[in-house]
Structure formats: C-alpha cells, structure tokens
Amino acid sequence: MARKKEYIEQEVIEKAMALFWRNGYETTSVRMLEKEMGINQFSIYSSFGSKQGVFLESIKCYKSKIKSITNKLEASKNGIEGIKAYFYDFLEFAKEDNMSKGCLVTNTVNELRNHADPMLMSELMKFANEIRDLFVANLKQDARKNTETIEKQASYLMTSILGLSVASKILNKQQLNDFIEVAFQNI
C-alpha cells in the first residue's frame, strides 16, 4: 500500500524554487533540496522523478508568482508605458530582503548556456517567448508602428529586460532606474 504524503507539493516546490533562484540549477544538489524542502530523497524522486523534475515544477511555480506583474502587462492599454511599468515592477518582484535575485529563468539560462538539457532549455525559452509576446502585444497598441519596427523593438526590449535582470544583482536602485529611463528613450 502506498504511503500518504506528509507534505503539500506546492509548499515544497516553493521552497525548491527559492533554493534554485538563490543558488542556481547546477549548484543545487538533491541533498540541498532535501534540506530546503523538508522531505527525503525518496519523496523527491517519488513525487517529481528527479532534480530536473523538481526544477521544471519550480519554473511553473515561478511563472505563477510572476503572473502578479505579467497580468498587469497583459491587461495594459498603455503601450510602451505599460512595458516600462513592467520593468519597474520586475525590479520589485525580484527583491528578497533588499537583495535582488534577478530572474530565475535568466539566471538559469546564463548558468547553463549551451550545456542545458534540451527539455529544460525548451521550458526556459517558452517563458522568455511569452514575455516577448506581451511586449509585442503592447507595442502593437501604437498604430503608427509597422510589423518590422514592432519585431525589432520587441527584440530590443527582451535584450533590455535580460540585461536588467543581470544588472539588478549588482547595480544600485538609481543606476537601474537610469537604465530603464534611457532604454525607453530609444523606443
């Protein structure tokens, strides 16, 4: 007879997500996950299959948490200003105890680069493309922009948000605000 789970999956995944976000995918060991999640290795493998399975669930958890700001962007009728607000909202979202952790997805892509498991990279790129699609939708609100301009500006904004994610870990608030203001002067 199967044993009853002594934990709530959502709660342990939130703990795992925080660990991956702080330490990175490669650095996080199953032993670290055991300690952080408060469950044993058998339970990890039984519920999630592997460290990769825990990470994929952590990405889903991250997506649900960042919805607090992506939903605002999706509902925005302010075009460029809506995207700019997303950049500022992201800085607040990525903070923990006055320390910025950047973006879990960006951090992981930077860490793994070309060595990433294709399934992991597929999930990470899907997330990035969802954000880019929101940028495109907001840029389309300006009827003066043609498709080519919108695509170029969406690419520029993606590069900018990725740069902001990395920079948020080392620059001060004023420098980050200056970055955002200058980035949006070019749009």
Protein backbone atom coordinates (compact mmCIF):
# COMPACT_ATOMS: atom_id res chain seq x y z
CA MET A 1 0.00 0.00 0.00
CA ALA A 2 1.31 3.44 -0.94
CA ARG A 3 2.22 5.81 1.88
CA LYS A 4 0.29 9.03 2.32
CA LYS A 5 2.30 12.15 1.55
CA GLU A 6 3.26 14.07 4.66
CA TYR A 7 3.75 17.32 2.77
CA ILE A 8 1.97 19.70 0.42
CA GLU A 9 3.63 19.68 -3.01
CA GLN A 10 3.04 23.38 -3.67
CA GLU A 11 4.77 24.34 -0.43
CA VAL A 12 7.83 22.17 -1.04
CA ILE A 13 8.10 23.37 -4.64
CA GLU A 14 8.06 27.00 -3.48
CA LYS A 15 10.97 26.17 -1.19
CA ALA A 16 12.81 24.42 -4.03
CA MET A 17 12.16 27.36 -6.36
CA ALA A 18 13.69 29.75 -3.81
CA LEU A 19 16.74 27.49 -3.49
CA PHE A 20 17.25 27.26 -7.27
CA TRP A 21 16.76 31.03 -7.53
CA ARG A 22 19.41 31.70 -4.88
CA ASN A 23 21.97 29.04 -5.82
CA GLY A 24 21.39 28.12 -9.45
CA TYR A 25 20.45 24.82 -11.02
CA GLU A 26 23.87 23.16 -11.19
CA THR A 27 24.93 24.17 -7.69
CA THR A 28 21.72 22.89 -6.11
CA SER A 29 22.14 19.25 -5.12
CA VAL A 30 19.45 16.73 -4.23
CA ARG A 31 20.79 16.84 -0.66
CA MET A 32 20.28 20.61 -0.59
CA LEU A 33 16.76 20.11 -1.95
CA GLU A 34 16.05 17.54 0.79
CA LYS A 35 17.08 20.01 3.46
CA GLU A 36 15.30 23.02 1.96
CA MET A 37 12.10 21.19 1.04
CA GLY A 38 11.98 19.26 4.30
CA ILE A 39 11.40 15.92 2.55
CA ASN A 40 13.67 12.97 1.89
CA GLN A 41 15.27 11.91 -1.37
CA PHE A 42 12.78 9.06 -1.81
CA SER A 43 9.89 11.55 -1.65
CA ILE A 44 11.61 13.88 -4.11
CA TYR A 45 12.07 11.08 -6.64
CA SER A 46 8.63 9.63 -5.95
CA SER A 47 6.81 12.95 -6.46
CA PHE A 48 8.99 14.70 -9.05
CA GLY A 49 11.10 11.99 -10.69
CA SER A 50 14.43 13.80 -10.46
CA LYS A 51 16.16 17.07 -9.68
CA GLN A 52 15.17 18.14 -13.18
CA GLY A 53 11.54 17.33 -12.38
CA VAL A 54 11.74 19.48 -9.25
CA PHE A 55 13.25 22.29 -11.32
CA LEU A 56 10.54 22.08 -14.00
CA GLU A 57 7.90 22.31 -11.27
CA SER A 58 9.85 25.24 -9.81
CA ILE A 59 9.64 27.04 -13.17
CA LYS A 60 5.86 26.53 -13.17
CA CYS A 61 5.76 27.96 -9.66
CA TYR A 62 7.90 30.93 -10.76
CA LYS A 63 5.55 31.58 -13.68
CA SER A 64 2.56 31.60 -11.35
CA LYS A 65 4.30 34.03 -8.98
CA ILE A 66 5.44 36.41 -11.72
CA LYS A 67 1.85 36.48 -13.01
CA SER A 68 1.32 39.28 -10.50
CA ILE A 69 3.22 41.54 -12.89
CA THR A 70 2.73 39.79 -16.24
CA ASN A 71 -1.04 40.00 -15.80
CA LYS A 72 -0.70 43.79 -15.43
CA LEU A 73 1.31 43.90 -18.66
CA GLU A 74 -1.17 41.68 -20.44
CA ALA A 75 -4.09 43.92 -19.38
CA SER A 76 -2.21 47.15 -20.10
CA LYS A 77 -3.67 49.53 -22.62
CA ASN A 78 -0.73 51.92 -22.26
CA GLY A 79 1.59 50.50 -24.92
CA ILE A 80 5.19 51.48 -24.21
CA GLU A 81 4.29 52.89 -20.78
CA GLY A 82 2.82 49.52 -19.82
CA ILE A 83 6.07 47.80 -20.76
CA LYS A 84 8.10 50.39 -18.86
CA ALA A 85 5.92 49.78 -15.78
CA TYR A 86 6.66 46.05 -16.17
CA PHE A 87 10.41 46.79 -16.00
CA TYR A 88 9.95 48.68 -12.73
CA ASP A 89 7.57 46.02 -11.39
CA PHE A 90 10.14 43.35 -12.23
CA LEU A 91 12.77 45.07 -10.06
CA GLU A 92 10.40 44.93 -7.10
CA PHE A 93 9.37 41.34 -7.86
CA ALA A 94 12.97 40.10 -7.94
CA LYS A 95 13.84 41.52 -4.49
CA GLU A 96 14.14 39.49 -1.33
CA ASP A 97 15.30 41.07 1.90
CA ASN A 98 16.51 44.12 -0.04
CA MET A 99 18.68 41.89 -2.25
CA SER A 100 17.83 41.40 -5.90
CA LYS A 101 17.97 37.86 -7.19
CA GLY A 102 17.35 38.75 -10.82
CA CYS A 103 15.09 36.45 -12.83
CA LEU A 104 15.14 32.71 -12.14
CA VAL A 105 14.85 31.99 -15.87
CA THR A 106 17.58 34.44 -16.90
CA ASN A 107 19.87 33.25 -14.12
CA THR A 108 19.44 29.64 -15.22
CA VAL A 109 19.99 30.36 -18.93
CA ASN A 110 23.16 32.31 -18.04
CA GLU A 111 24.34 29.46 -15.85
CA LEU A 112 23.63 26.55 -18.20
CA ARG A 113 24.15 28.20 -21.60
CA ASN A 114 24.69 25.54 -24.26
CA HIS A 115 25.06 22.76 -21.70
CA ALA A 116 21.39 22.77 -20.76
CA ASP A 117 19.24 19.73 -21.10
CA PRO A 118 17.01 20.38 -24.16
CA MET A 119 13.84 19.90 -22.08
CA LEU A 120 14.99 22.49 -19.54
CA MET A 121 16.02 24.94 -22.24
CA SER A 122 12.69 24.46 -24.01
CA GLU A 123 10.80 25.43 -20.84
CA LEU A 124 13.05 28.42 -20.21
CA MET A 125 12.72 29.66 -23.79
CA LYS A 126 8.95 29.18 -23.70
CA PHE A 127 8.82 31.51 -20.72
CA ALA A 128 11.01 34.11 -22.47
CA ASN A 129 8.85 33.94 -25.59
CA GLU A 130 5.71 34.50 -23.52
CA ILE A 131 7.22 37.72 -22.17
CA ARG A 132 8.30 38.78 -25.66
CA ASP A 133 4.74 38.16 -26.92
CA LEU A 134 3.43 40.50 -24.23
CA PHE A 135 5.90 43.15 -25.39
CA VAL A 136 4.72 42.68 -29.00
CA ALA A 137 1.06 42.99 -27.96
CA ASN A 138 1.77 46.24 -26.14
CA LEU A 139 3.86 47.64 -28.99
CA LYS A 140 1.00 46.90 -31.41
CA GLN A 141 -1.14 49.35 -29.46
CA ASP A 142 0.68 52.12 -31.31
CA ALA A 143 -0.94 52.13 -34.75
CA ARG A 144 2.00 54.10 -36.16
CA LYS A 145 4.36 51.14 -35.72
CA ASN A 146 4.73 48.65 -38.55
CA THR A 147 5.40 44.95 -38.04
CA GLU A 148 9.13 45.24 -38.70
CA THR A 149 9.52 48.04 -36.13
CA ILE A 150 7.48 46.11 -33.56
CA GLU A 151 9.64 42.99 -34.01
CA LYS A 152 12.87 44.96 -33.71
CA GLN A 153 11.66 46.84 -30.65
CA ALA A 154 10.42 43.62 -29.00
CA SER A 155 13.88 42.11 -29.52
CA TYR A 156 15.48 45.24 -28.07
CA LEU A 157 13.15 45.11 -25.05
CA MET A 158 13.91 41.42 -24.47
CA THR A 159 17.62 42.16 -24.51
CA SER A 160 17.00 45.07 -22.15
CA ILE A 161 14.96 43.05 -19.63
CA LEU A 162 17.60 40.30 -19.67
CA GLY A 163 20.29 42.92 -19.05
CA LEU A 164 18.19 44.50 -16.31
CA SER A 165 17.81 41.10 -14.65
CA VAL A 166 21.58 40.60 -14.50
CA ALA A 167 22.30 44.23 -13.61
CA SER A 168 19.73 44.18 -10.80
CA LYS A 169 22.01 41.85 -8.88
CA ILE A 170 24.90 44.34 -8.77
CA LEU A 171 23.76 47.90 -9.51
CA ASN A 172 22.03 50.27 -7.10
CA LYS A 173 18.45 51.46 -7.48
CA GLN A 174 19.35 54.77 -9.11
CA GLN A 175 21.57 53.08 -11.70
CA LEU A 176 18.78 50.62 -12.52
CA ASN A 177 16.22 53.41 -12.81
CA ASP A 178 18.61 55.30 -15.11
CA PHE A 179 19.00 52.16 -17.24
CA ILE A 180 15.22 51.85 -17.64
CA GLU A 181 14.74 55.52 -18.45
CA VAL A 182 17.48 55.51 -21.09
CA ALA A 183 16.28 52.21 -22.58
CA PHE A 184 12.82 53.66 -23.14
CA GLN A 185 14.16 56.84 -24.73
CA ASN A 186 15.12 54.66 -27.70
CA ILE A 187 11.60 53.28 -28.26
